[in-house]
Amino acid sequence: KKDIPLPNFTIHEIHCSRNLEVCRYCNESIPKSEMKNHIESEHVQVTCKCSMKVEKSLLEDHEASVCPLRPAVCQHCDIQLTFNKLQDHESYCGARTEICSGCGLNIMVKDLKEHPRVCG
């Protein structure tokens, strides 16, 4: 998968076919002696805390961006909870009210950022 000078190509091709193997999962060239270790360390299926099976090499990305049990922070109260509970929590949390120090009205927490523009 690299450019090789033409005079060296035949020797290089022989060397590669003898020493390298293309991984059936990621199509990377891996030394034959390391293929078993590569598959076990990169492509073995592991189970995430959410019970989803993913390749070991993809687990970190899964946990950071896809996993429903990844940490998330409420935009209203800054409490940390799991992503799968965030929407319900934010709906409830944003519907709470607080008294505006400017006009004395009860304002829903979700509207507090916009309220100063209309506060009389």
N, C-alpha and C. Protein backbone atom coordinates (compact mmCIF):
# COMPACT_ATOMS: atom_id res chain seq x y z
N LYS A 1 0.81 -1.20 0.00
CA LYS A 1 0.00 0.00 0.00
C LYS A 1 0.85 1.26 0.00
N LYS A 2 2.08 1.15 -0.42
CA LYS A 2 2.97 2.31 -0.50
C LYS A 2 3.65 2.33 -1.85
N ASP A 3 4.11 3.52 -2.23
CA ASP A 3 4.86 3.64 -3.48
C ASP A 3 6.26 3.07 -3.28
N ILE A 4 6.65 2.22 -4.22
CA ILE A 4 7.97 1.57 -4.16
C ILE A 4 8.69 1.87 -5.47
N PRO A 5 9.98 2.22 -5.41
CA PRO A 5 10.72 2.43 -6.66
C PRO A 5 10.67 1.15 -7.51
N LEU A 6 10.49 1.31 -8.79
CA LEU A 6 10.34 0.18 -9.70
C LEU A 6 11.46 -0.85 -9.60
N PRO A 7 12.73 -0.44 -9.51
CA PRO A 7 13.79 -1.46 -9.42
C PRO A 7 13.68 -2.33 -8.14
N ASN A 8 13.08 -1.80 -7.09
CA ASN A 8 12.96 -2.55 -5.83
C ASN A 8 11.64 -3.29 -5.69
N PHE A 9 10.74 -3.11 -6.64
CA PHE A 9 9.39 -3.61 -6.47
C PHE A 9 9.31 -5.12 -6.28
N THR A 10 10.00 -5.88 -7.09
CA THR A 10 9.91 -7.34 -7.02
C THR A 10 10.39 -7.84 -5.66
N ILE A 11 11.53 -7.35 -5.22
CA ILE A 11 12.07 -7.77 -3.92
C ILE A 11 11.14 -7.34 -2.80
N HIS A 12 10.61 -6.14 -2.91
CA HIS A 12 9.69 -5.64 -1.89
C HIS A 12 8.42 -6.49 -1.84
N GLU A 13 7.88 -6.80 -3.00
CA GLU A 13 6.66 -7.61 -3.07
C GLU A 13 6.87 -8.99 -2.45
N ILE A 14 8.01 -9.59 -2.69
CA ILE A 14 8.33 -10.90 -2.10
C ILE A 14 8.43 -10.76 -0.58
N HIS A 15 9.11 -9.72 -0.13
CA HIS A 15 9.26 -9.49 1.31
C HIS A 15 7.89 -9.31 1.97
N CYS A 16 7.04 -8.50 1.36
CA CYS A 16 5.71 -8.24 1.93
C CYS A 16 4.87 -9.51 1.98
N SER A 17 4.84 -10.26 0.90
CA SER A 17 4.00 -11.46 0.88
C SER A 17 4.50 -12.50 1.87
N ARG A 18 5.79 -12.50 2.15
CA ARG A 18 6.35 -13.45 3.11
C ARG A 18 6.12 -13.01 4.56
N ASN A 19 6.15 -11.70 4.80
CA ASN A 19 6.14 -11.20 6.18
C ASN A 19 4.87 -10.48 6.63
N LEU A 20 4.07 -10.04 5.70
CA LEU A 20 2.89 -9.26 6.06
C LEU A 20 1.61 -9.96 5.64
N GLU A 21 0.55 -9.59 6.34
CA GLU A 21 -0.77 -10.12 6.05
C GLU A 21 -1.76 -8.96 6.18
N VAL A 22 -2.79 -8.97 5.37
CA VAL A 22 -3.80 -7.91 5.45
C VAL A 22 -4.89 -8.38 6.42
N CYS A 23 -5.15 -7.56 7.42
CA CYS A 23 -6.17 -7.88 8.41
C CYS A 23 -7.54 -7.91 7.74
N ARG A 24 -8.29 -8.98 7.97
CA ARG A 24 -9.61 -9.12 7.33
C ARG A 24 -10.65 -8.16 7.91
N TYR A 25 -10.36 -7.55 9.04
CA TYR A 25 -11.31 -6.63 9.67
C TYR A 25 -11.05 -5.17 9.29
N CYS A 26 -9.78 -4.75 9.30
CA CYS A 26 -9.47 -3.34 9.09
C CYS A 26 -8.64 -3.07 7.83
N ASN A 27 -8.26 -4.13 7.11
CA ASN A 27 -7.49 -4.01 5.87
C ASN A 27 -6.12 -3.36 6.05
N GLU A 28 -5.59 -3.40 7.25
CA GLU A 28 -4.25 -2.88 7.51
C GLU A 28 -3.23 -4.00 7.30
N SER A 29 -2.05 -3.63 6.86
CA SER A 29 -0.97 -4.62 6.73
C SER A 29 -0.33 -4.83 8.09
N ILE A 30 -0.33 -6.08 8.51
CA ILE A 30 0.17 -6.44 9.84
C ILE A 30 1.22 -7.54 9.66
N PRO A 31 2.33 -7.47 10.40
CA PRO A 31 3.28 -8.58 10.34
C PRO A 31 2.58 -9.89 10.70
N LYS A 32 2.85 -10.94 9.94
CA LYS A 32 2.19 -12.23 10.16
C LYS A 32 2.36 -12.71 11.60
N SER A 33 3.52 -12.46 12.17
CA SER A 33 3.80 -12.92 13.53
C SER A 33 2.95 -12.19 14.57
N GLU A 34 2.39 -11.03 14.22
CA GLU A 34 1.61 -10.23 15.16
C GLU A 34 0.11 -10.24 14.86
N MET A 35 -0.31 -10.99 13.85
CA MET A 35 -1.72 -10.95 13.44
C MET A 35 -2.65 -11.44 14.55
N LYS A 36 -2.32 -12.53 15.21
CA LYS A 36 -3.19 -13.04 16.26
C LYS A 36 -3.34 -12.00 17.38
N ASN A 37 -2.23 -11.42 17.80
CA ASN A 37 -2.25 -10.39 18.83
C ASN A 37 -3.04 -9.16 18.37
N HIS A 38 -2.87 -8.77 17.11
CA HIS A 38 -3.60 -7.63 16.55
C HIS A 38 -5.10 -7.87 16.63
N ILE A 39 -5.55 -9.02 16.20
CA ILE A 39 -6.98 -9.33 16.21
C ILE A 39 -7.51 -9.36 17.64
N GLU A 40 -6.76 -9.96 18.56
CA GLU A 40 -7.20 -10.03 19.95
C GLU A 40 -7.22 -8.67 20.63
N SER A 41 -6.28 -7.81 20.27
CA SER A 41 -6.21 -6.52 20.95
C SER A 41 -7.08 -5.45 20.29
N GLU A 42 -7.36 -5.59 19.01
CA GLU A 42 -8.10 -4.54 18.29
C GLU A 42 -9.52 -4.94 17.89
N HIS A 43 -9.73 -6.18 17.55
CA HIS A 43 -11.00 -6.56 16.93
C HIS A 43 -11.86 -7.52 17.73
N VAL A 44 -11.39 -7.95 18.87
CA VAL A 44 -12.20 -8.84 19.69
C VAL A 44 -13.44 -8.08 20.16
N GLN A 45 -14.55 -8.77 20.24
CA GLN A 45 -15.80 -8.15 20.69
C GLN A 45 -15.80 -8.07 22.21
N VAL A 46 -16.09 -6.90 22.72
CA VAL A 46 -16.22 -6.71 24.17
C VAL A 46 -17.62 -6.17 24.44
N THR A 47 -18.07 -6.32 25.65
CA THR A 47 -19.40 -5.84 26.02
C THR A 47 -19.27 -4.57 26.83
N CYS A 48 -19.91 -3.52 26.36
CA CYS A 48 -19.93 -2.24 27.05
C CYS A 48 -20.85 -2.35 28.26
N LYS A 49 -20.73 -1.39 29.18
CA LYS A 49 -21.60 -1.37 30.35
C LYS A 49 -23.07 -1.24 29.98
N CYS A 50 -23.36 -0.81 28.73
CA CYS A 50 -24.75 -0.71 28.26
C CYS A 50 -25.23 -2.01 27.63
N SER A 51 -24.39 -3.03 27.68
CA SER A 51 -24.69 -4.38 27.15
C SER A 51 -24.53 -4.49 25.63
N MET A 52 -24.09 -3.45 24.98
CA MET A 52 -23.85 -3.51 23.54
C MET A 52 -22.48 -4.11 23.28
N LYS A 53 -22.37 -4.96 22.26
CA LYS A 53 -21.09 -5.55 21.89
C LYS A 53 -20.45 -4.68 20.82
N VAL A 54 -19.18 -4.32 21.06
CA VAL A 54 -18.42 -3.51 20.10
C VAL A 54 -17.00 -4.04 20.03
N GLU A 55 -16.30 -3.71 18.95
CA GLU A 55 -14.89 -4.08 18.86
C GLU A 55 -14.12 -3.32 19.93
N LYS A 56 -13.15 -4.00 20.49
CA LYS A 56 -12.36 -3.39 21.57
C LYS A 56 -11.76 -2.05 21.14
N SER A 57 -11.29 -1.97 19.91
CA SER A 57 -10.67 -0.72 19.43
C SER A 57 -11.68 0.42 19.30
N LEU A 58 -12.96 0.09 19.22
CA LEU A 58 -14.00 1.12 19.06
C LEU A 58 -14.71 1.46 20.36
N LEU A 59 -14.36 0.74 21.43
CA LEU A 59 -15.06 0.92 22.70
C LEU A 59 -14.94 2.35 23.24
N GLU A 60 -13.76 2.92 23.17
CA GLU A 60 -13.56 4.27 23.71
C GLU A 60 -14.45 5.29 22.99
N ASP A 61 -14.51 5.21 21.66
CA ASP A 61 -15.38 6.12 20.90
C ASP A 61 -16.85 5.88 21.23
N HIS A 62 -17.22 4.60 21.35
CA HIS A 62 -18.60 4.26 21.71
C HIS A 62 -18.97 4.87 23.05
N GLU A 63 -18.11 4.68 24.04
CA GLU A 63 -18.39 5.20 25.39
C GLU A 63 -18.46 6.72 25.41
N ALA A 64 -17.71 7.38 24.53
CA ALA A 64 -17.68 8.84 24.53
C ALA A 64 -18.82 9.48 23.75
N SER A 65 -19.33 8.80 22.70
CA SER A 65 -20.28 9.50 21.86
C SER A 65 -21.59 8.77 21.55
N VAL A 66 -21.65 7.47 21.78
CA VAL A 66 -22.84 6.73 21.38
C VAL A 66 -23.53 6.04 22.55
N CYS A 67 -22.77 5.63 23.53
CA CYS A 67 -23.30 4.83 24.63
C CYS A 67 -24.41 5.58 25.37
N PRO A 68 -25.56 4.94 25.57
CA PRO A 68 -26.63 5.61 26.30
C PRO A 68 -26.30 5.82 27.77
N LEU A 69 -25.27 5.14 28.27
CA LEU A 69 -24.87 5.30 29.67
C LEU A 69 -23.68 6.24 29.85
N ARG A 70 -23.32 6.94 28.77
CA ARG A 70 -22.20 7.90 28.88
C ARG A 70 -22.63 9.06 29.78
N PRO A 71 -21.67 9.70 30.44
CA PRO A 71 -22.02 10.81 31.33
C PRO A 71 -22.53 12.02 30.53
N ALA A 72 -23.50 12.70 31.10
CA ALA A 72 -24.05 13.91 30.50
C ALA A 72 -24.37 14.89 31.63
N VAL A 73 -24.39 16.16 31.31
CA VAL A 73 -24.62 17.20 32.32
C VAL A 73 -25.87 17.98 31.96
N CYS A 74 -26.74 18.16 32.94
CA CYS A 74 -27.97 18.94 32.75
C CYS A 74 -27.61 20.40 32.49
N GLN A 75 -28.23 20.97 31.48
CA GLN A 75 -27.95 22.37 31.14
C GLN A 75 -28.54 23.35 32.15
N HIS A 76 -29.44 22.89 32.98
CA HIS A 76 -30.10 23.78 33.93
C HIS A 76 -29.47 23.76 35.32
N CYS A 77 -29.09 22.56 35.79
CA CYS A 77 -28.60 22.47 37.18
C CYS A 77 -27.18 21.92 37.28
N ASP A 78 -26.58 21.57 36.15
CA ASP A 78 -25.20 21.06 36.08
C ASP A 78 -24.99 19.74 36.80
N ILE A 79 -26.05 19.00 37.11
CA ILE A 79 -25.89 17.69 37.72
C ILE A 79 -25.47 16.71 36.61
N GLN A 80 -24.61 15.76 36.97
CA GLN A 80 -24.18 14.75 36.00
C GLN A 80 -25.04 13.51 36.15
N LEU A 81 -25.51 13.00 35.00
CA LEU A 81 -26.30 11.78 34.97
C LEU A 81 -26.01 11.06 33.66
N THR A 82 -26.65 9.94 33.43
CA THR A 82 -26.39 9.22 32.17
C THR A 82 -27.21 9.84 31.04
N PHE A 83 -26.67 9.72 29.83
CA PHE A 83 -27.28 10.35 28.66
C PHE A 83 -28.72 9.89 28.45
N ASN A 84 -28.99 8.62 28.71
CA ASN A 84 -30.34 8.11 28.47
C ASN A 84 -31.37 8.68 29.44
N LYS A 85 -30.94 9.32 30.49
CA LYS A 85 -31.86 9.95 31.45
C LYS A 85 -31.88 11.48 31.31
N LEU A 86 -31.03 12.01 30.45
CA LEU A 86 -30.87 13.46 30.34
C LEU A 86 -32.14 14.17 29.87
N GLN A 87 -32.78 13.69 28.81
CA GLN A 87 -33.93 14.39 28.25
C GLN A 87 -35.07 14.49 29.26
N ASP A 88 -35.38 13.38 29.93
CA ASP A 88 -36.46 13.41 30.93
C ASP A 88 -36.10 14.35 32.08
N HIS A 89 -34.83 14.27 32.52
CA HIS A 89 -34.40 15.12 33.62
C HIS A 89 -34.48 16.60 33.23
N GLU A 90 -33.98 16.95 32.04
CA GLU A 90 -33.98 18.36 31.62
C GLU A 90 -35.41 18.89 31.45
N SER A 91 -36.33 18.05 31.00
CA SER A 91 -37.73 18.49 30.88
C SER A 91 -38.28 18.83 32.26
N TYR A 92 -38.03 17.96 33.21
CA TYR A 92 -38.50 18.19 34.59
C TYR A 92 -37.76 19.38 35.21
N CYS A 93 -36.44 19.37 35.10
CA CYS A 93 -35.61 20.38 35.74
C CYS A 93 -35.89 21.78 35.17
N GLY A 94 -36.05 21.86 33.85
CA GLY A 94 -36.31 23.15 33.21
C GLY A 94 -37.69 23.70 33.52
N ALA A 95 -38.60 22.84 33.96
CA ALA A 95 -39.96 23.28 34.27
C ALA A 95 -40.09 23.84 35.69
N ARG A 96 -39.02 23.66 36.50
CA ARG A 96 -39.05 24.26 37.85
C ARG A 96 -39.08 25.78 37.70
N THR A 97 -39.50 26.47 38.74
CA THR A 97 -39.52 27.93 38.67
C THR A 97 -38.62 28.53 39.74
N GLU A 98 -38.13 29.70 39.42
CA GLU A 98 -37.34 30.50 40.37
C GLU A 98 -37.85 31.93 40.28
N ILE A 99 -37.76 32.63 41.38
CA ILE A 99 -38.23 34.02 41.41
C ILE A 99 -37.17 34.93 40.80
N CYS A 100 -37.59 35.76 39.86
CA CYS A 100 -36.69 36.73 39.23
C CYS A 100 -36.42 37.85 40.23
N SER A 101 -35.16 38.16 40.44
CA SER A 101 -34.81 39.22 41.40
C SER A 101 -35.18 40.61 40.85
N GLY A 102 -35.37 40.70 39.54
CA GLY A 102 -35.71 41.99 38.94
C GLY A 102 -37.19 42.32 39.00
N CYS A 103 -38.04 41.37 38.62
CA CYS A 103 -39.48 41.67 38.54
C CYS A 103 -40.30 40.91 39.56
N GLY A 104 -39.69 39.94 40.24
CA GLY A 104 -40.39 39.20 41.28
C GLY A 104 -41.32 38.11 40.78
N LEU A 105 -41.36 37.87 39.48
CA LEU A 105 -42.22 36.82 38.92
C LEU A 105 -41.53 35.46 39.01
N ASN A 106 -42.34 34.41 39.08
CA ASN A 106 -41.81 33.05 38.99
C ASN A 106 -41.53 32.75 37.53
N ILE A 107 -40.29 32.42 37.24
CA ILE A 107 -39.86 32.14 35.86
C ILE A 107 -39.37 30.70 35.79
N MET A 108 -39.78 29.99 34.73
CA MET A 108 -39.30 28.62 34.55
C MET A 108 -37.78 28.65 34.32
N VAL A 109 -37.09 27.70 34.91
CA VAL A 109 -35.63 27.64 34.82
C VAL A 109 -35.18 27.63 33.37
N LYS A 110 -35.90 26.92 32.51
CA LYS A 110 -35.51 26.85 31.09
C LYS A 110 -35.59 28.21 30.40
N ASP A 111 -36.35 29.15 30.98
CA ASP A 111 -36.50 30.48 30.38
C ASP A 111 -35.64 31.55 31.06
N LEU A 112 -34.89 31.19 32.08
CA LEU A 112 -34.13 32.20 32.84
C LEU A 112 -33.08 32.92 32.00
N LYS A 113 -32.47 32.24 31.03
CA LYS A 113 -31.44 32.89 30.21
C LYS A 113 -32.04 33.97 29.31
N GLU A 114 -33.26 33.74 28.82
CA GLU A 114 -33.92 34.68 27.93
C GLU A 114 -34.70 35.76 28.69
N HIS A 115 -35.05 35.51 29.93
CA HIS A 115 -35.91 36.40 30.70
C HIS A 115 -35.38 37.83 30.84
N PRO A 116 -34.09 38.05 31.08
CA PRO A 116 -33.63 39.44 31.24
C PRO A 116 -33.98 40.36 30.08
N ARG A 117 -34.15 39.83 28.88
CA ARG A 117 -34.50 40.68 27.73
C ARG A 117 -35.94 41.19 27.81
N VAL A 118 -36.81 40.43 28.48
CA VAL A 118 -38.20 40.84 28.56
C VAL A 118 -38.61 41.27 29.97
N CYS A 119 -37.67 41.18 30.91
CA CYS A 119 -37.95 41.51 32.30
C CYS A 119 -38.27 43.01 32.40
N GLY A 120 -39.38 43.32 33.02
CA GLY A 120 -39.81 44.71 33.07
C GLY A 120 -39.40 45.39 34.34
